[in-house]
């Protein structure tokens, strides 16, 4: 059932997810206007559809608010729900595209949920990216990815590094670095194990910004 969609007039597509961990049927609106209907495994799809239909006015009313909540203003990162699989795909696809366009090949890639680093590049040109990059404005997300790709060619932050980074970002790399410093990492939790993450207990799921829950006994 994961990945199926329901088309709702006046709302658009709603992704349907069957979840082992969910205890309630829940509707989630993310800041990118993605709408998800989460149904516990024990509940039927029809019951989920009924709940969804009953909450259409709420969805229409809250879609603009969700977009506003996701608008980054510096300081703490926007606090919205992350889907690991979707975030990893976005970051890896973008990394591959930029590597190809700028002729900056890399080794392996890992996506991790880290509290202190946006990314890193090893001596073997393996790149690590923080899953929370998807919370940043696209320009800053791309800046971090390009920063790590340039490290495949220049390991230190010397003059050649900044000249190359300026070239690939279209100028003002240090200005983008200053903008990035306005956003603070830490305190964001992602459900489940992130692919490539170090072994250890899985983080707990943090409640999304906008969610409706209804308990069926």
N, C-alpha and C. Protein backbone atom coordinates (compact mmCIF):
# COMPACT_ATOMS: atom_id res chain seq x y z
N UNK A 1 0.82 -1.20 0.00
CA UNK A 1 0.00 0.00 0.00
C UNK A 1 0.86 1.25 0.00
N UNK A 2 2.12 1.15 0.45
CA UNK A 2 2.98 2.32 0.52
C UNK A 2 3.18 2.87 -0.88
N UNK A 3 2.92 4.19 -1.06
CA UNK A 3 3.12 4.83 -2.34
C UNK A 3 1.86 4.94 -3.17
N UNK A 4 0.74 4.27 -2.79
CA UNK A 4 -0.52 4.42 -3.52
C UNK A 4 -1.07 5.82 -3.28
N UNK A 5 -1.87 6.32 -4.22
CA UNK A 5 -2.43 7.66 -4.07
C UNK A 5 -3.93 7.65 -4.27
N UNK A 6 -4.59 8.60 -3.62
CA UNK A 6 -6.02 8.85 -3.80
C UNK A 6 -6.17 10.27 -4.29
N UNK A 7 -6.92 10.48 -5.36
CA UNK A 7 -7.15 11.82 -5.90
C UNK A 7 -8.41 12.40 -5.26
N UNK A 8 -8.26 13.54 -4.57
CA UNK A 8 -9.38 14.18 -3.89
C UNK A 8 -9.71 15.49 -4.60
N UNK A 9 -10.93 15.65 -5.13
CA UNK A 9 -11.30 16.89 -5.81
C UNK A 9 -11.08 18.10 -4.90
N UNK A 10 -10.47 19.14 -5.45
CA UNK A 10 -10.21 20.36 -4.69
C UNK A 10 -8.97 20.31 -3.84
N UNK A 11 -8.37 19.12 -3.71
CA UNK A 11 -7.17 18.94 -2.88
C UNK A 11 -6.00 18.44 -3.72
N UNK A 12 -6.27 17.44 -4.56
CA UNK A 12 -5.22 16.83 -5.37
C UNK A 12 -4.86 15.45 -4.86
N UNK A 13 -3.68 14.95 -5.22
CA UNK A 13 -3.28 13.59 -4.83
C UNK A 13 -2.92 13.51 -3.34
N UNK A 14 -3.34 12.43 -2.71
CA UNK A 14 -2.98 12.14 -1.32
C UNK A 14 -2.27 10.79 -1.30
N UNK A 15 -1.05 10.77 -0.78
CA UNK A 15 -0.30 9.52 -0.69
C UNK A 15 -0.81 8.68 0.46
N UNK A 16 -1.04 7.40 0.21
CA UNK A 16 -1.54 6.49 1.24
C UNK A 16 -0.39 5.60 1.72
N UNK A 17 -0.20 5.56 3.05
CA UNK A 17 0.87 4.78 3.64
C UNK A 17 0.29 3.87 4.71
N UNK A 18 0.53 2.57 4.60
CA UNK A 18 0.18 1.61 5.66
C UNK A 18 1.38 1.50 6.60
N UNK A 19 1.15 1.70 7.89
CA UNK A 19 2.25 1.76 8.84
C UNK A 19 2.09 0.73 9.95
N UNK A 20 3.19 0.03 10.28
CA UNK A 20 3.18 -0.90 11.41
C UNK A 20 3.14 -0.14 12.74
N UNK A 21 3.81 1.02 12.78
CA UNK A 21 3.97 1.75 14.04
C UNK A 21 2.80 2.66 14.38
N UNK A 22 2.06 3.09 13.35
CA UNK A 22 0.97 4.04 13.60
C UNK A 22 -0.14 3.39 14.43
N UNK A 23 -0.67 4.14 15.39
CA UNK A 23 -1.79 3.66 16.20
C UNK A 23 -3.09 4.32 15.80
N UNK A 24 -3.01 5.48 15.12
CA UNK A 24 -4.18 6.21 14.69
C UNK A 24 -4.12 6.44 13.18
N UNK A 25 -5.25 6.62 12.57
CA UNK A 25 -5.26 7.14 11.21
C UNK A 25 -4.89 8.61 11.29
N UNK A 26 -3.99 9.04 10.40
CA UNK A 26 -3.47 10.39 10.51
C UNK A 26 -3.32 11.01 9.13
N UNK A 27 -3.64 12.29 9.01
CA UNK A 27 -3.36 13.06 7.80
C UNK A 27 -2.22 14.01 8.13
N UNK A 28 -1.22 14.04 7.26
CA UNK A 28 -0.09 14.94 7.45
C UNK A 28 0.04 15.84 6.23
N UNK A 29 0.17 17.15 6.47
CA UNK A 29 0.47 18.11 5.40
C UNK A 29 1.88 18.62 5.64
N UNK A 30 2.75 18.41 4.65
CA UNK A 30 4.13 18.90 4.75
C UNK A 30 4.23 20.27 4.09
N UNK A 31 5.28 21.04 4.44
CA UNK A 31 5.42 22.37 3.87
C UNK A 31 5.52 22.42 2.35
N UNK A 32 5.91 21.31 1.70
CA UNK A 32 5.93 21.31 0.23
C UNK A 32 4.57 20.97 -0.36
N UNK A 33 3.52 20.95 0.51
CA UNK A 33 2.13 20.70 0.15
C UNK A 33 1.86 19.22 -0.16
N UNK A 34 2.82 18.35 0.16
CA UNK A 34 2.57 16.92 0.07
C UNK A 34 1.59 16.51 1.17
N UNK A 35 0.60 15.71 0.81
CA UNK A 35 -0.40 15.25 1.77
C UNK A 35 -0.31 13.74 1.88
N UNK A 36 -0.24 13.24 3.12
CA UNK A 36 -0.16 11.80 3.34
C UNK A 36 -1.28 11.34 4.25
N UNK A 37 -1.84 10.21 3.91
CA UNK A 37 -2.82 9.54 4.76
C UNK A 37 -2.14 8.29 5.32
N UNK A 38 -1.89 8.30 6.64
CA UNK A 38 -1.20 7.17 7.29
C UNK A 38 -2.26 6.30 7.97
N UNK A 39 -2.26 5.02 7.62
CA UNK A 39 -3.27 4.08 8.13
C UNK A 39 -2.56 2.96 8.88
N UNK A 40 -2.92 2.72 10.15
CA UNK A 40 -2.34 1.57 10.85
C UNK A 40 -2.63 0.27 10.09
N UNK A 41 -1.74 -0.66 10.19
CA UNK A 41 -1.88 -1.89 9.42
C UNK A 41 -3.20 -2.62 9.72
N UNK A 42 -3.67 -2.50 10.97
CA UNK A 42 -4.88 -3.24 11.35
C UNK A 42 -6.16 -2.60 10.79
N UNK A 43 -6.08 -1.33 10.32
CA UNK A 43 -7.27 -0.64 9.84
C UNK A 43 -7.43 -0.82 8.33
N UNK A 44 -8.68 -0.72 7.87
CA UNK A 44 -8.96 -0.91 6.45
C UNK A 44 -8.72 0.36 5.66
N UNK A 45 -8.48 0.20 4.37
CA UNK A 45 -8.32 1.34 3.48
C UNK A 45 -9.60 2.16 3.43
N UNK A 46 -10.77 1.50 3.46
CA UNK A 46 -12.04 2.22 3.38
C UNK A 46 -12.24 3.12 4.59
N UNK A 47 -11.83 2.65 5.77
CA UNK A 47 -11.94 3.50 6.96
C UNK A 47 -11.03 4.72 6.82
N UNK A 48 -9.84 4.51 6.24
CA UNK A 48 -8.94 5.62 5.99
C UNK A 48 -9.53 6.62 5.00
N UNK A 49 -10.19 6.11 3.96
CA UNK A 49 -10.84 6.98 2.97
C UNK A 49 -11.94 7.82 3.62
N UNK A 50 -12.73 7.19 4.50
CA UNK A 50 -13.80 7.91 5.18
C UNK A 50 -13.24 9.06 6.01
N UNK A 51 -12.17 8.78 6.74
CA UNK A 51 -11.54 9.81 7.55
C UNK A 51 -11.02 10.94 6.67
N UNK A 52 -10.38 10.57 5.57
CA UNK A 52 -9.84 11.56 4.64
C UNK A 52 -10.95 12.46 4.10
N UNK A 53 -12.05 11.85 3.66
CA UNK A 53 -13.16 12.64 3.10
C UNK A 53 -13.73 13.60 4.14
N UNK A 54 -13.78 13.16 5.39
CA UNK A 54 -14.36 14.01 6.44
C UNK A 54 -13.47 15.20 6.78
N UNK A 55 -12.18 15.11 6.41
CA UNK A 55 -11.23 16.16 6.78
C UNK A 55 -10.82 17.04 5.60
N UNK A 56 -11.51 16.93 4.46
CA UNK A 56 -11.17 17.76 3.30
C UNK A 56 -11.21 19.25 3.63
N UNK A 57 -12.24 19.76 4.34
CA UNK A 57 -12.23 21.19 4.68
C UNK A 57 -11.00 21.60 5.50
N UNK A 58 -10.59 20.74 6.43
CA UNK A 58 -9.39 21.02 7.24
C UNK A 58 -8.15 21.09 6.35
N UNK A 59 -8.05 20.16 5.39
CA UNK A 59 -6.89 20.15 4.49
C UNK A 59 -6.83 21.45 3.69
N UNK A 60 -7.96 21.84 3.10
CA UNK A 60 -8.00 23.06 2.28
C UNK A 60 -7.64 24.28 3.12
N UNK A 61 -8.13 24.31 4.36
CA UNK A 61 -7.88 25.44 5.24
C UNK A 61 -6.41 25.53 5.65
N UNK A 62 -5.75 24.38 5.80
CA UNK A 62 -4.40 24.37 6.35
C UNK A 62 -3.28 24.27 5.32
N UNK A 63 -3.59 24.03 4.06
CA UNK A 63 -2.54 23.97 3.04
C UNK A 63 -1.70 25.25 3.00
N UNK A 64 -2.31 26.44 3.00
CA UNK A 64 -1.47 27.66 2.98
C UNK A 64 -0.62 27.79 4.24
N UNK A 65 -1.15 27.39 5.39
CA UNK A 65 -0.40 27.49 6.65
C UNK A 65 0.81 26.57 6.62
N UNK A 66 0.65 25.38 6.05
CA UNK A 66 1.77 24.44 5.98
C UNK A 66 2.91 25.03 5.18
N UNK A 67 2.59 25.68 4.06
CA UNK A 67 3.64 26.30 3.23
C UNK A 67 4.35 27.41 4.00
N UNK A 68 3.60 28.19 4.77
CA UNK A 68 4.21 29.27 5.56
C UNK A 68 5.15 28.72 6.63
N UNK A 69 4.74 27.63 7.27
CA UNK A 69 5.56 27.05 8.33
C UNK A 69 6.86 26.50 7.78
N UNK A 70 6.85 26.10 6.52
CA UNK A 70 8.07 25.56 5.93
C UNK A 70 8.99 26.61 5.36
N UNK A 71 8.59 27.89 5.40
CA UNK A 71 9.43 28.95 4.84
C UNK A 71 10.58 29.25 5.78
N UNK A 72 11.83 28.97 5.38
CA UNK A 72 12.96 29.16 6.28
C UNK A 72 13.29 30.63 6.48
N UNK A 73 13.60 31.01 7.72
CA UNK A 73 13.94 32.38 8.04
C UNK A 73 15.25 32.47 8.81
N UNK A 74 16.08 31.47 8.77
CA UNK A 74 17.30 31.46 9.56
C UNK A 74 16.99 30.95 10.95
N UNK A 75 18.03 30.82 11.77
CA UNK A 75 17.84 30.30 13.12
C UNK A 75 17.66 28.79 13.08
N UNK A 76 16.64 28.31 13.79
CA UNK A 76 16.38 26.87 13.78
C UNK A 76 15.84 26.43 12.43
N UNK A 77 16.12 25.18 12.06
CA UNK A 77 15.62 24.65 10.80
C UNK A 77 14.10 24.49 10.86
N UNK A 78 13.41 24.60 9.72
CA UNK A 78 11.98 24.31 9.69
C UNK A 78 11.72 22.91 10.24
N UNK A 79 10.73 22.81 11.12
CA UNK A 79 10.50 21.57 11.86
C UNK A 79 9.33 20.82 11.25
N UNK A 80 9.58 20.16 10.10
CA UNK A 80 8.53 19.37 9.49
C UNK A 80 8.99 17.93 9.32
N UNK A 81 8.04 17.07 9.11
CA UNK A 81 8.31 15.64 9.04
C UNK A 81 9.17 15.31 7.82
N UNK A 82 10.15 14.43 8.02
CA UNK A 82 11.00 13.97 6.93
C UNK A 82 10.71 12.50 6.65
N UNK A 83 10.51 12.16 5.40
CA UNK A 83 10.48 10.77 4.97
C UNK A 83 11.90 10.40 4.57
N UNK A 84 12.49 9.41 5.27
CA UNK A 84 13.88 9.05 4.98
C UNK A 84 14.09 8.68 3.52
N UNK A 85 13.21 7.82 3.00
CA UNK A 85 13.40 7.33 1.64
C UNK A 85 13.33 8.46 0.63
N UNK A 86 12.38 9.36 0.83
CA UNK A 86 12.23 10.48 -0.09
C UNK A 86 13.40 11.45 0.02
N UNK A 87 13.81 11.77 1.26
CA UNK A 87 14.92 12.70 1.46
C UNK A 87 16.21 12.14 0.88
N UNK A 88 16.46 10.86 1.10
CA UNK A 88 17.67 10.24 0.55
C UNK A 88 17.68 10.28 -0.97
N UNK A 89 16.52 10.02 -1.57
CA UNK A 89 16.44 10.05 -3.03
C UNK A 89 16.71 11.46 -3.56
N UNK A 90 16.12 12.47 -2.92
CA UNK A 90 16.33 13.86 -3.34
C UNK A 90 17.81 14.21 -3.29
N UNK A 91 18.47 13.88 -2.17
CA UNK A 91 19.87 14.27 -1.99
C UNK A 91 20.80 13.50 -2.92
N UNK A 92 20.56 12.20 -3.06
CA UNK A 92 21.44 11.40 -3.92
C UNK A 92 21.26 11.78 -5.39
N UNK A 93 20.01 11.98 -5.80
CA UNK A 93 19.77 12.39 -7.19
C UNK A 93 20.45 13.72 -7.49
N UNK A 94 20.36 14.68 -6.54
CA UNK A 94 20.98 15.98 -6.76
C UNK A 94 22.51 15.87 -6.77
N UNK A 95 23.06 15.04 -5.88
CA UNK A 95 24.50 14.82 -5.86
C UNK A 95 24.98 14.24 -7.18
N UNK A 96 24.28 13.24 -7.68
CA UNK A 96 24.66 12.61 -8.94
C UNK A 96 24.60 13.60 -10.09
N UNK A 97 23.54 14.42 -10.11
CA UNK A 97 23.38 15.40 -11.18
C UNK A 97 24.52 16.42 -11.18
N UNK A 98 24.86 16.95 -9.99
CA UNK A 98 25.91 17.96 -9.90
C UNK A 98 27.29 17.36 -10.17
N UNK A 99 27.49 16.14 -9.75
CA UNK A 99 28.75 15.47 -10.04
C UNK A 99 28.94 15.33 -11.54
N UNK A 100 27.88 14.98 -12.23
CA UNK A 100 27.95 14.80 -13.68
C UNK A 100 28.14 16.14 -14.40
N UNK A 101 27.36 17.15 -14.02
CA UNK A 101 27.40 18.45 -14.69
C UNK A 101 28.76 19.12 -14.53
N UNK A 102 29.35 19.02 -13.33
CA UNK A 102 30.60 19.75 -13.04
C UNK A 102 31.83 18.86 -13.14
N UNK A 103 31.65 17.61 -13.58
CA UNK A 103 32.78 16.69 -13.76
C UNK A 103 33.58 16.54 -12.47
N UNK A 104 32.84 16.27 -11.38
CA UNK A 104 33.45 16.07 -10.06
C UNK A 104 33.03 14.70 -9.54
N UNK A 105 33.69 13.63 -9.97
CA UNK A 105 33.31 12.28 -9.54
C UNK A 105 33.62 12.05 -8.06
N UNK A 106 32.82 11.19 -7.44
CA UNK A 106 33.02 10.85 -6.03
C UNK A 106 32.98 9.33 -5.88
N UNK A 107 33.30 8.86 -4.68
CA UNK A 107 33.29 7.42 -4.41
C UNK A 107 31.91 6.94 -4.02
N UNK A 108 31.71 6.76 -2.72
CA UNK A 108 30.41 6.33 -2.20
C UNK A 108 29.70 7.51 -1.55
N UNK A 109 28.41 7.33 -1.30
CA UNK A 109 27.65 8.37 -0.60
C UNK A 109 26.90 7.75 0.56
N UNK A 110 26.88 8.45 1.70
CA UNK A 110 26.09 8.05 2.86
C UNK A 110 25.21 9.23 3.26
N UNK A 111 23.98 8.93 3.66
CA UNK A 111 23.06 9.95 4.16
C UNK A 111 22.85 9.66 5.64
N UNK A 112 23.15 10.63 6.50
CA UNK A 112 23.07 10.42 7.95
C UNK A 112 22.28 11.54 8.62
N UNK A 113 21.77 11.24 9.79
CA UNK A 113 21.06 12.24 10.59
C UNK A 113 22.03 12.74 11.66
N UNK A 114 22.79 13.79 11.33
CA UNK A 114 23.83 14.28 12.23
C UNK A 114 23.43 15.59 12.88
N UNK A 115 24.06 15.90 14.01
CA UNK A 115 23.72 17.10 14.76
C UNK A 115 24.73 18.23 14.59
N UNK A 116 25.88 17.95 13.98
CA UNK A 116 26.92 18.98 13.94
C UNK A 116 27.44 19.27 12.53
N UNK A 117 27.32 18.37 11.58
CA UNK A 117 27.91 18.56 10.26
C UNK A 117 26.85 18.47 9.16
N UNK A 118 26.94 19.40 8.19
CA UNK A 118 26.07 19.33 7.02
C UNK A 118 26.56 18.28 6.03
N UNK A 119 27.87 18.07 6.00
CA UNK A 119 28.42 17.11 5.06
C UNK A 119 29.92 16.96 5.28
N UNK A 120 30.50 15.98 4.59
CA UNK A 120 31.95 15.79 4.66
C UNK A 120 32.38 14.97 3.45
N UNK A 121 33.68 15.04 3.17
CA UNK A 121 34.28 14.28 2.07
C UNK A 121 35.55 13.62 2.58
N UNK A 122 35.66 12.33 2.45
CA UNK A 122 36.81 11.59 2.98
C UNK A 122 38.00 11.66 2.03
N UNK A 123 39.13 11.16 2.50
CA UNK A 123 40.34 11.12 1.67
C UNK A 123 40.15 10.24 0.44
N UNK A 124 39.18 9.30 0.50
CA UNK A 124 38.88 8.43 -0.64
C UNK A 124 37.74 8.97 -1.50
N UNK A 125 37.37 10.22 -1.24
CA UNK A 125 36.30 10.90 -1.99
C UNK A 125 34.93 10.29 -1.77
N UNK A 126 34.75 9.68 -0.59
CA UNK A 126 33.41 9.25 -0.19
C UNK A 126 32.71 10.43 0.47
N UNK A 127 31.47 10.67 0.09
CA UNK A 127 30.75 11.85 0.56
C UNK A 127 29.65 11.46 1.54
N UNK A 128 29.58 12.21 2.63
CA UNK A 128 28.53 12.05 3.63
C UNK A 128 27.68 13.31 3.61
N UNK A 129 26.35 13.15 3.53
CA UNK A 129 25.43 14.28 3.54
C UNK A 129 24.45 14.13 4.69
N UNK A 130 24.11 15.25 5.31
CA UNK A 130 23.15 15.26 6.41
C UNK A 130 21.74 15.24 5.84
N UNK A 131 20.90 14.34 6.32
CA UNK A 131 19.54 14.22 5.81
C UNK A 131 18.75 15.52 6.00
N UNK A 132 19.15 16.34 6.99
CA UNK A 132 18.44 17.59 7.25
C UNK A 132 18.71 18.66 6.19
N UNK A 133 19.58 18.37 5.21
CA UNK A 133 19.76 19.29 4.09
C UNK A 133 18.44 19.56 3.35
N UNK A 134 17.52 18.59 3.39
CA UNK A 134 16.24 18.79 2.70
C UNK A 134 15.39 19.86 3.37
N UNK A 135 15.76 20.25 4.60
CA UNK A 135 15.04 21.33 5.29
C UNK A 135 15.51 22.71 4.86
N UNK A 136 16.66 22.79 4.20
CA UNK A 136 17.24 24.07 3.81
C UNK A 136 16.62 24.59 2.52
N UNK A 137 16.74 25.91 2.26
CA UNK A 137 16.43 26.42 0.92
C UNK A 137 17.27 25.70 -0.12
N UNK A 138 16.73 25.52 -1.32
CA UNK A 138 17.42 24.75 -2.36
C UNK A 138 18.82 25.29 -2.64
N UNK A 139 18.99 26.61 -2.64
CA UNK A 139 20.29 27.20 -2.94
C UNK A 139 21.34 26.78 -1.93
N UNK A 140 20.96 26.72 -0.65
CA UNK A 140 21.92 26.33 0.38
C UNK A 140 22.16 24.83 0.39
N UNK A 141 21.12 24.05 0.12
CA UNK A 141 21.31 22.60 -0.03
C UNK A 141 22.32 22.32 -1.14
N UNK A 142 22.14 22.99 -2.28
CA UNK A 142 23.06 22.78 -3.40
C UNK A 142 24.47 23.25 -3.06
N UNK A 143 24.56 24.34 -2.30
CA UNK A 143 25.88 24.83 -1.90
C UNK A 143 26.64 23.78 -1.11
N UNK A 144 25.97 23.13 -0.15
CA UNK A 144 26.64 22.11 0.67
C UNK A 144 27.09 20.94 -0.22
N UNK A 145 26.21 20.49 -1.10
CA UNK A 145 26.56 19.37 -1.98
C UNK A 145 27.77 19.73 -2.85
N UNK A 146 27.75 20.93 -3.43
CA UNK A 146 28.87 21.35 -4.27
C UNK A 146 30.14 21.53 -3.45
N UNK A 147 30.01 22.03 -2.24
CA UNK A 147 31.16 22.18 -1.34
C UNK A 147 31.88 20.84 -1.16
N UNK A 148 31.09 19.78 -0.90
CA UNK A 148 31.71 18.47 -0.69
C UNK A 148 32.26 17.89 -1.99
N UNK A 149 31.59 18.16 -3.10
CA UNK A 149 32.10 17.67 -4.39
C UNK A 149 33.43 18.34 -4.74
N UNK A 150 33.57 19.62 -4.45
CA UNK A 150 34.83 20.32 -4.73
C UNK A 150 35.95 19.75 -3.86
N UNK A 151 35.60 19.24 -2.69
CA UNK A 151 36.62 18.60 -1.84
C UNK A 151 37.18 17.32 -2.46
N UNK A 152 36.50 16.76 -3.44
CA UNK A 152 37.08 15.60 -4.13
C UNK A 152 38.31 16.01 -4.94
N UNK A 153 38.41 17.30 -5.24
CA UNK A 153 39.54 17.82 -6.02
C UNK A 153 40.54 18.57 -5.14
N UNK A 154 40.03 19.32 -4.17
CA UNK A 154 40.88 20.11 -3.28
C UNK A 154 40.48 19.80 -1.83
N UNK A 155 41.38 19.19 -1.09
CA UNK A 155 41.03 18.73 0.26
C UNK A 155 41.00 19.85 1.29
N UNK A 156 41.81 20.87 1.12
CA UNK A 156 41.85 21.95 2.10
C UNK A 156 41.04 23.14 1.60
N UNK A 157 40.77 24.09 2.51
CA UNK A 157 40.01 25.28 2.14
C UNK A 157 40.95 26.40 1.69
N UNK A 158 41.79 26.07 0.74
CA UNK A 158 42.74 27.05 0.23
C UNK A 158 42.15 27.88 -0.89
N UNK A 159 43.02 28.72 -1.50
CA UNK A 159 42.57 29.63 -2.56
C UNK A 159 41.98 28.87 -3.75
N UNK A 160 42.62 27.74 -4.12
CA UNK A 160 42.13 26.97 -5.27
C UNK A 160 40.74 26.39 -4.98
N UNK A 161 40.55 25.95 -3.73
CA UNK A 161 39.24 25.40 -3.36
C UNK A 161 38.15 26.45 -3.54
N UNK A 162 38.36 27.65 -2.98
CA UNK A 162 37.32 28.68 -3.04
C UNK A 162 37.11 29.18 -4.47
N UNK A 163 38.16 29.20 -5.25
CA UNK A 163 38.01 29.61 -6.65
C UNK A 163 37.14 28.61 -7.41
N UNK A 164 37.39 27.33 -7.17
CA UNK A 164 36.58 26.30 -7.84
C UNK A 164 35.15 26.30 -7.34
N UNK A 165 34.97 26.47 -6.03
CA UNK A 165 33.62 26.50 -5.47
C UNK A 165 32.85 27.72 -6.00
N UNK A 166 33.52 28.85 -6.09
CA UNK A 166 32.88 30.04 -6.67
C UNK A 166 32.41 29.75 -8.10
N UNK A 167 33.24 29.05 -8.84
CA UNK A 167 32.90 28.75 -10.23
C UNK A 167 31.63 27.90 -10.33
N UNK A 168 31.57 26.85 -9.51
CA UNK A 168 30.45 25.90 -9.66
C UNK A 168 29.15 26.43 -9.05
N UNK A 169 29.25 27.33 -8.05
CA UNK A 169 28.01 27.86 -7.47
C UNK A 169 27.57 29.14 -8.16
N UNK A 170 28.37 29.63 -9.11
CA UNK A 170 28.00 30.84 -9.82
C UNK A 170 28.39 32.11 -9.10
N UNK A 171 29.41 32.05 -8.24
CA UNK A 171 29.90 33.23 -7.52
C UNK A 171 29.37 33.32 -6.11
N UNK A 172 30.10 34.08 -5.27
CA UNK A 172 29.70 34.38 -3.88
C UNK A 172 29.56 33.14 -3.01
N UNK A 173 30.52 32.23 -3.12
CA UNK A 173 30.49 31.03 -2.29
C UNK A 173 30.57 31.38 -0.81
N UNK A 174 31.38 32.37 -0.46
CA UNK A 174 31.52 32.74 0.96
C UNK A 174 30.25 33.40 1.48
N UNK A 175 29.53 34.09 0.60
CA UNK A 175 28.25 34.65 1.00
C UNK A 175 27.24 33.56 1.31
N UNK A 176 27.25 32.49 0.51
CA UNK A 176 26.37 31.36 0.78
C UNK A 176 26.77 30.66 2.08
N UNK A 177 28.08 30.60 2.33
CA UNK A 177 28.54 29.99 3.59
C UNK A 177 28.02 30.78 4.79
N UNK A 178 28.00 32.11 4.67
CA UNK A 178 27.48 32.93 5.76
C UNK A 178 25.98 32.69 5.96
N UNK A 179 25.26 32.58 4.87
CA UNK A 179 23.82 32.31 4.97
C UNK A 179 23.57 30.95 5.64
N UNK A 180 24.41 29.96 5.31
CA UNK A 180 24.25 28.64 5.89
C UNK A 180 24.45 28.67 7.40
N UNK A 181 25.38 29.50 7.87
CA UNK A 181 25.66 29.57 9.31
C UNK A 181 24.47 30.12 10.10
N UNK A 182 23.52 30.73 9.42
CA UNK A 182 22.33 31.24 10.11
C UNK A 182 21.38 30.12 10.54
N UNK A 183 21.58 28.92 9.98
CA UNK A 183 20.72 27.78 10.31
C UNK A 183 21.45 26.85 11.26
N UNK A 184 20.77 26.47 12.33
CA UNK A 184 21.38 25.63 13.36
C UNK A 184 20.90 24.19 13.24
N UNK A 185 21.84 23.28 13.35
CA UNK A 185 21.51 21.86 13.39
C UNK A 185 21.20 21.44 14.82
N UNK A 186 20.63 20.24 14.94
CA UNK A 186 20.37 19.68 16.27
C UNK A 186 18.91 19.71 16.62
N UNK A 187 18.44 18.66 17.32
CA UNK A 187 17.08 18.62 17.82
C UNK A 187 16.07 18.08 16.83
N UNK A 188 16.52 17.63 15.65
CA UNK A 188 15.58 17.09 14.66
C UNK A 188 15.71 15.58 14.64
N UNK A 189 14.61 14.90 14.78
CA UNK A 189 14.62 13.45 14.83
C UNK A 189 13.89 12.90 13.61
N UNK A 190 14.39 11.78 13.13
CA UNK A 190 13.83 11.15 11.94
C UNK A 190 13.46 9.72 12.29
N UNK A 191 12.30 9.28 11.86
CA UNK A 191 11.86 7.93 12.20
C UNK A 191 12.64 6.87 11.46
N UNK A 192 12.99 5.77 12.15
CA UNK A 192 13.65 4.65 11.50
C UNK A 192 15.14 4.89 11.31
N UNK A 193 15.84 3.92 10.73
CA UNK A 193 17.26 4.00 10.47
C UNK A 193 17.50 4.64 9.12
N UNK A 194 18.33 5.65 9.08
CA UNK A 194 18.67 6.30 7.82
C UNK A 194 19.69 5.45 7.10
N UNK A 195 19.50 5.15 5.79
CA UNK A 195 20.47 4.35 5.06
C UNK A 195 21.86 4.94 5.18
N UNK A 196 22.84 4.10 5.52
CA UNK A 196 24.21 4.54 5.66
C UNK A 196 24.56 5.02 7.04
N UNK A 197 23.57 5.07 7.94
CA UNK A 197 23.84 5.58 9.28
C UNK A 197 24.58 4.54 10.10
N UNK A 198 25.30 5.03 11.11
CA UNK A 198 26.02 4.13 11.99
C UNK A 198 25.04 3.30 12.80
N UNK A 199 25.50 2.13 13.24
CA UNK A 199 24.63 1.26 14.03
C UNK A 199 24.26 1.91 15.34
N UNK A 200 23.10 1.56 15.86
CA UNK A 200 22.66 2.13 17.12
C UNK A 200 21.15 2.14 17.17
N UNK A 201 20.56 2.55 18.30
CA UNK A 201 19.11 2.56 18.42
C UNK A 201 18.50 3.51 17.40
N UNK A 202 17.35 3.12 16.82
CA UNK A 202 16.67 3.99 15.87
C UNK A 202 16.07 5.18 16.59
N UNK A 203 16.19 6.40 16.03
CA UNK A 203 15.58 7.57 16.66
C UNK A 203 14.07 7.43 16.71
N UNK A 204 13.44 8.16 17.60
CA UNK A 204 12.00 8.17 17.69
C UNK A 204 11.41 9.12 16.67
N UNK A 205 10.20 8.83 16.22
CA UNK A 205 9.53 9.69 15.26
C UNK A 205 9.06 10.95 15.96
N UNK A 206 9.36 12.10 15.38
CA UNK A 206 8.88 13.35 15.92
C UNK A 206 7.57 13.71 15.22
N UNK A 207 6.59 14.20 15.98
CA UNK A 207 5.30 14.53 15.39
C UNK A 207 5.45 15.63 14.35
N UNK A 208 4.79 15.50 13.19
CA UNK A 208 4.87 16.54 12.18
C UNK A 208 4.18 17.81 12.64
N UNK A 209 4.46 18.91 11.94
CA UNK A 209 3.87 20.19 12.30
C UNK A 209 2.35 20.14 12.22
N UNK A 210 1.84 19.65 11.11
CA UNK A 210 0.40 19.64 10.92
C UNK A 210 -0.06 18.19 10.81
N UNK A 211 -0.91 17.76 11.71
CA UNK A 211 -1.41 16.39 11.64
C UNK A 211 -2.76 16.32 12.30
N UNK A 212 -3.65 15.53 11.73
CA UNK A 212 -4.93 15.23 12.36
C UNK A 212 -4.89 13.77 12.74
N UNK A 213 -5.37 13.47 13.91
CA UNK A 213 -5.42 12.08 14.34
C UNK A 213 -6.84 11.72 14.77
N UNK A 214 -7.22 10.49 14.48
CA UNK A 214 -8.50 9.99 14.94
C UNK A 214 -8.32 8.55 15.35
N UNK A 215 -8.71 8.24 16.54
CA UNK A 215 -8.53 6.89 17.09
C UNK A 215 -9.77 6.07 16.85
N UNK A 216 -9.61 4.89 16.28
CA UNK A 216 -10.71 3.97 16.09
C UNK A 216 -10.57 2.82 17.08
N UNK A 217 -11.58 2.59 17.89
CA UNK A 217 -11.50 1.53 18.89
C UNK A 217 -11.89 0.20 18.27
